[in-house]
Amino acid sequence: MKGVDMSHDIEPWLREILRCPACRAELRDAVGPQGGPELVCEGADCGLAYRIDDGVPVLLVDEARRP
């Protein structure tokens, strides 16, 4: 979903510096298949989606959802 604002879940200063651990591209806010918040990589060849648990992004490549 484009334009989803879930920045209230993550501290603003942290949100500004977060990057995809796999390719270092920027992350955008999105809603996952089960309706939970996630961060999705904007890298053209990556696109991994990382869930957010209780306001904490889980930036583990092994646990990311593939596009």
PDB file of N, CA and C in Angstrom:
ATOM      1  N   MET A   1       0.831  -1.178   0.000  1.00  0.00           N
ATOM      2  CA  MET A   1       0.000   0.000   0.000  1.00  0.00           C
ATOM      3  C   MET A   1       0.871   1.236   0.000  1.00  0.00           C
ATOM      4  N   LYS A   2       0.713   2.040  -0.945  1.00  0.00           N
ATOM      5  CA  LYS A   2       1.518   3.243  -1.024  1.00  0.00           C
ATOM      6  C   LYS A   2       0.880   4.357  -0.199  1.00  0.00           C
ATOM      7  N   GLY A   3       1.703   5.116   0.453  1.00  0.00           N
ATOM      8  CA  GLY A   3       1.218   6.235   1.220  1.00  0.00           C
ATOM      9  C   GLY A   3       0.720   5.886   2.610  1.00  0.00           C
ATOM     10  N   VAL A   4       0.968   4.701   3.068  1.00  0.00           N
ATOM     11  CA  VAL A   4       0.563   4.301   4.404  1.00  0.00           C
ATOM     12  C   VAL A   4       1.487   4.969   5.411  1.00  0.00           C
ATOM     13  N   ASP A   5       0.898   5.593   6.431  1.00  0.00           N
ATOM     14  CA  ASP A   5       1.721   6.263   7.439  1.00  0.00           C
ATOM     15  C   ASP A   5       1.649   5.506   8.752  1.00  0.00           C
ATOM     16  N   MET A   6       2.698   4.782   9.061  1.00  0.00           N
ATOM     17  CA  MET A   6       2.779   4.094  10.339  1.00  0.00           C
ATOM     18  C   MET A   6       4.003   4.559  11.097  1.00  0.00           C
ATOM     19  N   SER A   7       4.455   5.762  10.809  1.00  0.00           N
ATOM     20  CA  SER A   7       5.670   6.272  11.425  1.00  0.00           C
ATOM     21  C   SER A   7       5.507   6.429  12.933  1.00  0.00           C
ATOM     22  N   HIS A   8       4.254   6.450  13.443  1.00  0.00           N
ATOM     23  CA  HIS A   8       4.049   6.559  14.883  1.00  0.00           C
ATOM     24  C   HIS A   8       4.510   5.298  15.614  1.00  0.00           C
ATOM     25  N   ASP A   9       4.674   4.199  14.905  1.00  0.00           N
ATOM     26  CA  ASP A   9       5.116   2.947  15.518  1.00  0.00           C
ATOM     27  C   ASP A   9       6.615   2.940  15.814  1.00  0.00           C
ATOM     28  N   ILE A  10       7.364   3.754  15.101  1.00  0.00           N
ATOM     29  CA  ILE A  10       8.824   3.778  15.227  1.00  0.00           C
ATOM     30  C   ILE A  10       9.249   5.215  15.519  1.00  0.00           C
ATOM     31  N   GLU A  11      10.198   5.359  16.425  1.00  0.00           N
ATOM     32  CA  GLU A  11      10.708   6.692  16.739  1.00  0.00           C
ATOM     33  C   GLU A  11      11.167   7.395  15.457  1.00  0.00           C
ATOM     34  N   PRO A  12      10.824   8.671  15.276  1.00  0.00           N
ATOM     35  CA  PRO A  12      11.180   9.400  14.046  1.00  0.00           C
ATOM     36  C   PRO A  12      12.684   9.400  13.750  1.00  0.00           C
ATOM     37  N   TRP A  13      13.515   9.579  14.770  1.00  0.00           N
ATOM     38  CA  TRP A  13      14.961   9.610  14.522  1.00  0.00           C
ATOM     39  C   TRP A  13      15.466   8.269  14.019  1.00  0.00           C
ATOM     40  N   LEU A  14      14.863   7.183  14.518  1.00  0.00           N
ATOM     41  CA  LEU A  14      15.258   5.854  14.077  1.00  0.00           C
ATOM     42  C   LEU A  14      14.746   5.584  12.658  1.00  0.00           C
ATOM     43  N   ARG A  15      13.529   5.997  12.395  1.00  0.00           N
ATOM     44  CA  ARG A  15      12.920   5.774  11.073  1.00  0.00           C
ATOM     45  C   ARG A  15      13.753   6.415   9.966  1.00  0.00           C
ATOM     46  N   GLU A  16      14.346   7.567  10.254  1.00  0.00           N
ATOM     47  CA  GLU A  16      15.150   8.285   9.264  1.00  0.00           C
ATOM     48  C   GLU A  16      16.417   7.526   8.846  1.00  0.00           C
ATOM     49  N   ILE A  17      16.983   6.743   9.750  1.00  0.00           N
ATOM     50  CA  ILE A  17      18.261   6.094   9.442  1.00  0.00           C
ATOM     51  C   ILE A  17      18.132   4.621   9.048  1.00  0.00           C
ATOM     52  N   LEU A  18      16.935   4.050   9.178  1.00  0.00           N
ATOM     53  CA  LEU A  18      16.764   2.632   8.842  1.00  0.00           C
ATOM     54  C   LEU A  18      16.978   2.371   7.354  1.00  0.00           C
ATOM     55  N   ARG A  19      17.674   1.293   7.048  1.00  0.00           N
ATOM     56  CA  ARG A  19      17.908   0.868   5.667  1.00  0.00           C
ATOM     57  C   ARG A  19      17.788  -0.643   5.618  1.00  0.00           C
ATOM     58  N   CYS A  20      17.575  -1.175   4.437  1.00  0.00           N
ATOM     59  CA  CYS A  20      17.479  -2.612   4.242  1.00  0.00           C
ATOM     60  C   CYS A  20      18.836  -3.244   4.556  1.00  0.00           C
ATOM     61  N   PRO A  21      18.869  -4.241   5.432  1.00  0.00           N
ATOM     62  CA  PRO A  21      20.148  -4.868   5.749  1.00  0.00           C
ATOM     63  C   PRO A  21      20.712  -5.707   4.600  1.00  0.00           C
ATOM     64  N   ALA A  22      19.879  -6.076   3.647  1.00  0.00           N
ATOM     65  CA  ALA A  22      20.343  -6.896   2.525  1.00  0.00           C
ATOM     66  C   ALA A  22      21.008  -6.060   1.439  1.00  0.00           C
ATOM     67  N   CYS A  23      20.438  -4.876   1.134  1.00  0.00           N
ATOM     68  CA  CYS A  23      20.975  -4.105   0.001  1.00  0.00           C
ATOM     69  C   CYS A  23      21.226  -2.629   0.316  1.00  0.00           C
ATOM     70  N   ARG A  24      20.891  -2.197   1.525  1.00  0.00           N
ATOM     71  CA  ARG A  24      21.101  -0.821   1.998  1.00  0.00           C
ATOM     72  C   ARG A  24      20.181   0.213   1.339  1.00  0.00           C
ATOM     73  N   ALA A  25      19.112  -0.217   0.683  1.00  0.00           N
ATOM     74  CA  ALA A  25      18.151   0.712   0.082  1.00  0.00           C
ATOM     75  C   ALA A  25      17.210   1.252   1.162  1.00  0.00           C
ATOM     76  N   GLU A  26      16.482   2.305   0.841  1.00  0.00           N
ATOM     77  CA  GLU A  26      15.515   2.876   1.777  1.00  0.00           C
ATOM     78  C   GLU A  26      14.346   1.929   1.978  1.00  0.00           C
ATOM     79  N   LEU A  27      13.667   2.114   3.103  1.00  0.00           N
ATOM     80  CA  LEU A  27      12.506   1.290   3.438  1.00  0.00           C
ATOM     81  C   LEU A  27      11.266   2.178   3.465  1.00  0.00           C
ATOM     82  N   ARG A  28      10.149   1.647   2.975  1.00  0.00           N
ATOM     83  CA  ARG A  28       8.897   2.397   3.021  1.00  0.00           C
ATOM     84  C   ARG A  28       7.915   1.668   3.921  1.00  0.00           C
ATOM     85  N   ASP A  29       6.995   2.432   4.504  1.00  0.00           N
ATOM     86  CA  ASP A  29       5.966   1.869   5.358  1.00  0.00           C
ATOM     87  C   ASP A  29       4.927   1.150   4.512  1.00  0.00           C
ATOM     88  N   ALA A  30       4.435   0.027   5.021  1.00  0.00           N
ATOM     89  CA  ALA A  30       3.419  -0.747   4.303  1.00  0.00           C
ATOM     90  C   ALA A  30       2.610  -1.560   5.309  1.00  0.00           C
ATOM     91  N   VAL A  31       1.594  -2.233   4.786  1.00  0.00           N
ATOM     92  CA  VAL A  31       0.778  -3.144   5.579  1.00  0.00           C
ATOM     93  C   VAL A  31       0.991  -4.535   5.012  1.00  0.00           C
ATOM     94  N   GLY A  32       1.308  -5.488   5.893  1.00  0.00           N
ATOM     95  CA  GLY A  32       1.562  -6.862   5.475  1.00  0.00           C
ATOM     96  C   GLY A  32       0.291  -7.613   5.118  1.00  0.00           C
ATOM     97  N   PRO A  33       0.425  -8.825   4.617  1.00  0.00           N
ATOM     98  CA  PRO A  33      -0.719  -9.641   4.222  1.00  0.00           C
ATOM     99  C   PRO A  33      -1.702  -9.912   5.358  1.00  0.00           C
ATOM    100  N   GLN A  34      -1.226  -9.986   6.595  1.00  0.00           N
ATOM    101  CA  GLN A  34      -2.111 -10.210   7.732  1.00  0.00           C
ATOM    102  C   GLN A  34      -2.584  -8.892   8.358  1.00  0.00           C
ATOM    103  N   GLY A  35      -2.259  -7.781   7.722  1.00  0.00           N
ATOM    104  CA  GLY A  35      -2.712  -6.480   8.202  1.00  0.00           C
ATOM    105  C   GLY A  35      -1.791  -5.791   9.173  1.00  0.00           C
ATOM    106  N   GLY A  36      -0.662  -6.409   9.491  1.00  0.00           N
ATOM    107  CA  GLY A  36       0.302  -5.797  10.407  1.00  0.00           C
ATOM    108  C   GLY A  36       1.244  -4.851   9.687  1.00  0.00           C
ATOM    109  N   PRO A  37       1.839  -3.927  10.433  1.00  0.00           N
ATOM    110  CA  PRO A  37       2.778  -2.984   9.812  1.00  0.00           C
ATOM    111  C   PRO A  37       4.080  -3.674   9.429  1.00  0.00           C
ATOM    112  N   GLU A  38       4.683  -3.186   8.367  1.00  0.00           N
ATOM    113  CA  GLU A  38       5.980  -3.695   7.935  1.00  0.00           C
ATOM    114  C   GLU A  38       6.720  -2.618   7.173  1.00  0.00           C
ATOM    115  N   LEU A  39       8.008  -2.833   6.996  1.00  0.00           N
ATOM    116  CA  LEU A  39       8.859  -1.964   6.202  1.00  0.00           C
ATOM    117  C   LEU A  39       9.275  -2.742   4.969  1.00  0.00           C
ATOM    118  N   VAL A  40       9.094  -2.139   3.801  1.00  0.00           N
ATOM    119  CA  VAL A  40       9.403  -2.812   2.544  1.00  0.00           C
ATOM    120  C   VAL A  40      10.562  -2.103   1.859  1.00  0.00           C
ATOM    121  N   CYS A  41      11.533  -2.881   1.431  1.00  0.00           N
ATOM    122  CA  CYS A  41      12.708  -2.352   0.744  1.00  0.00           C
ATOM    123  C   CYS A  41      12.309  -1.794  -0.618  1.00  0.00           C
ATOM    124  N   GLU A  42      12.842  -0.636  -0.948  1.00  0.00           N
ATOM    125  CA  GLU A  42      12.577  -0.023  -2.242  1.00  0.00           C
ATOM    126  C   GLU A  42      13.642  -0.341  -3.279  1.00  0.00           C
ATOM    127  N   GLY A  43      14.573  -1.204  -2.947  1.00  0.00           N
ATOM    128  CA  GLY A  43      15.603  -1.608  -3.896  1.00  0.00           C
ATOM    129  C   GLY A  43      14.994  -2.385  -5.051  1.00  0.00           C
ATOM    130  N   ALA A  44      15.384  -2.061  -6.273  1.00  0.00           N
ATOM    131  CA  ALA A  44      14.801  -2.678  -7.469  1.00  0.00           C
ATOM    132  C   ALA A  44      14.983  -4.193  -7.506  1.00  0.00           C
ATOM    133  N   ASP A  45      16.099  -4.682  -7.031  1.00  0.00           N
ATOM    134  CA  ASP A  45      16.374  -6.118  -7.076  1.00  0.00           C
ATOM    135  C   ASP A  45      16.122  -6.822  -5.749  1.00  0.00           C
ATOM    136  N   CYS A  46      15.591  -6.114  -4.758  1.00  0.00           N
ATOM    137  CA  CYS A  46      15.440  -6.695  -3.430  1.00  0.00           C
ATOM    138  C   CYS A  46      13.961  -6.843  -3.075  1.00  0.00           C
ATOM    139  N   GLY A  47      13.343  -5.801  -2.551  1.00  0.00           N
ATOM    140  CA  GLY A  47      11.929  -5.825  -2.231  1.00  0.00           C
ATOM    141  C   GLY A  47      11.535  -6.604  -0.987  1.00  0.00           C
ATOM    142  N   LEU A  48      12.489  -6.957  -0.126  1.00  0.00           N
ATOM    143  CA  LEU A  48      12.166  -7.702   1.081  1.00  0.00           C
ATOM    144  C   LEU A  48      11.258  -6.875   1.997  1.00  0.00           C
ATOM    145  N   ALA A  49      10.367  -7.551   2.717  1.00  0.00           N
ATOM    146  CA  ALA A  49       9.456  -6.895   3.646  1.00  0.00           C
ATOM    147  C   ALA A  49       9.780  -7.366   5.066  1.00  0.00           C
ATOM    148  N   TYR A  50       9.979  -6.402   5.955  1.00  0.00           N
ATOM    149  CA  TYR A  50      10.346  -6.682   7.345  1.00  0.00           C
ATOM    150  C   TYR A  50       9.193  -6.306   8.260  1.00  0.00           C
ATOM    151  N   ARG A  51       8.778  -7.226   9.119  1.00  0.00           N
ATOM    152  CA  ARG A  51       7.664  -6.946  10.029  1.00  0.00           C
ATOM    153  C   ARG A  51       8.101  -6.004  11.139  1.00  0.00           C
ATOM    154  N   ILE A  52       7.106  -5.390  11.768  1.00  0.00           N
ATOM    155  CA  ILE A  52       7.331  -4.523  12.916  1.00  0.00           C
ATOM    156  C   ILE A  52       6.564  -5.134  14.081  1.00  0.00           C
ATOM    157  N   ASP A  53       7.272  -5.494  15.134  1.00  0.00           N
ATOM    158  CA  ASP A  53       6.665  -6.089  16.330  1.00  0.00           C
ATOM    159  C   ASP A  53       6.678  -5.070  17.465  1.00  0.00           C
ATOM    160  N   ASP A  54       5.507  -4.629  17.886  1.00  0.00           N
ATOM    161  CA  ASP A  54       5.389  -3.677  19.000  1.00  0.00           C
ATOM    162  C   ASP A  54       6.273  -2.447  18.811  1.00  0.00           C
ATOM    163  N   GLY A  55       6.307  -1.918  17.597  1.00  0.00           N
ATOM    164  CA  GLY A  55       7.087  -0.723  17.312  1.00  0.00           C
ATOM    165  C   GLY A  55       8.554  -0.963  17.052  1.00  0.00           C
ATOM    166  N   VAL A  56       8.975  -2.229  17.043  1.00  0.00           N
ATOM    167  CA  VAL A  56      10.385  -2.563  16.811  1.00  0.00           C
ATOM    168  C   VAL A  56      10.517  -3.298  15.483  1.00  0.00           C
ATOM    169  N   PRO A  57      11.217  -2.705  14.511  1.00  0.00           N
ATOM    170  CA  PRO A  57      11.399  -3.382  13.227  1.00  0.00           C
ATOM    171  C   PRO A  57      12.317  -4.596  13.366  1.00  0.00           C
ATOM    172  N   VAL A  58      11.901  -5.706  12.783  1.00  0.00           N
ATOM    173  CA  VAL A  58      12.691  -6.935  12.817  1.00  0.00           C
ATOM    174  C   VAL A  58      13.461  -6.994  11.497  1.00  0.00           C
ATOM    175  N   LEU A  59      14.652  -6.435  11.496  1.00  0.00           N
ATOM    176  CA  LEU A  59      15.447  -6.314  10.274  1.00  0.00           C
ATOM    177  C   LEU A  59      16.407  -7.492  10.111  1.00  0.00           C
ATOM    178  N   LEU A  60      15.852  -8.672  10.110  1.00  0.00           N
ATOM    179  CA  LEU A  60      16.619  -9.896   9.905  1.00  0.00           C
ATOM    180  C   LEU A  60      16.272 -10.451   8.529  1.00  0.00           C
ATOM    181  N   VAL A  61      17.264 -10.568   7.667  1.00  0.00           N
ATOM    182  CA  VAL A  61      17.025 -11.042   6.297  1.00  0.00           C
ATOM    183  C   VAL A  61      16.390 -12.427   6.305  1.00  0.00           C
ATOM    184  N   ASP A  62      16.804 -13.276   7.220  1.00  0.00           N
ATOM    185  CA  ASP A  62      16.252 -14.635   7.288  1.00  0.00           C
ATOM    186  C   ASP A  62      14.765 -14.667   7.645  1.00  0.00           C
ATOM    187  N   GLU A  63      14.280 -13.622   8.306  1.00  0.00           N
ATOM    188  CA  GLU A  63      12.881 -13.575   8.705  1.00  0.00           C
ATOM    189  C   GLU A  63      12.042 -12.641   7.829  1.00  0.00           C
ATOM    190  N   ALA A  64      12.640 -12.035   6.833  1.00  0.00           N
ATOM    191  CA  ALA A  64      11.919 -11.122   5.940  1.00  0.00           C
ATOM    192  C   ALA A  64      11.015 -11.899   4.992  1.00  0.00           C
ATOM    193  N   ARG A  65       9.920 -11.238   4.623  1.00  0.00           N
ATOM    194  CA  ARG A  65       8.993 -11.815   3.648  1.00  0.00           C
ATOM    195  C   ARG A  65       9.495 -11.475   2.247  1.00  0.00           C
ATOM    196  N   ARG A  66       9.562 -12.487   1.414  1.00  0.00           N
ATOM    197  CA  ARG A  66      10.005 -12.271   0.020  1.00  0.00           C
ATOM    198  C   ARG A  66       8.861 -11.683  -0.805  1.00  0.00           C
ATOM    199  N   PRO A  67       9.176 -10.851  -1.789  1.00  0.00           N
ATOM    200  CA  PRO A  67       8.122 -10.261  -2.633  1.00  0.00           C
ATOM    201  C   PRO A  67       7.417 -11.282  -3.505  1.00  0.00           C
TER     202      PRO A  67
END
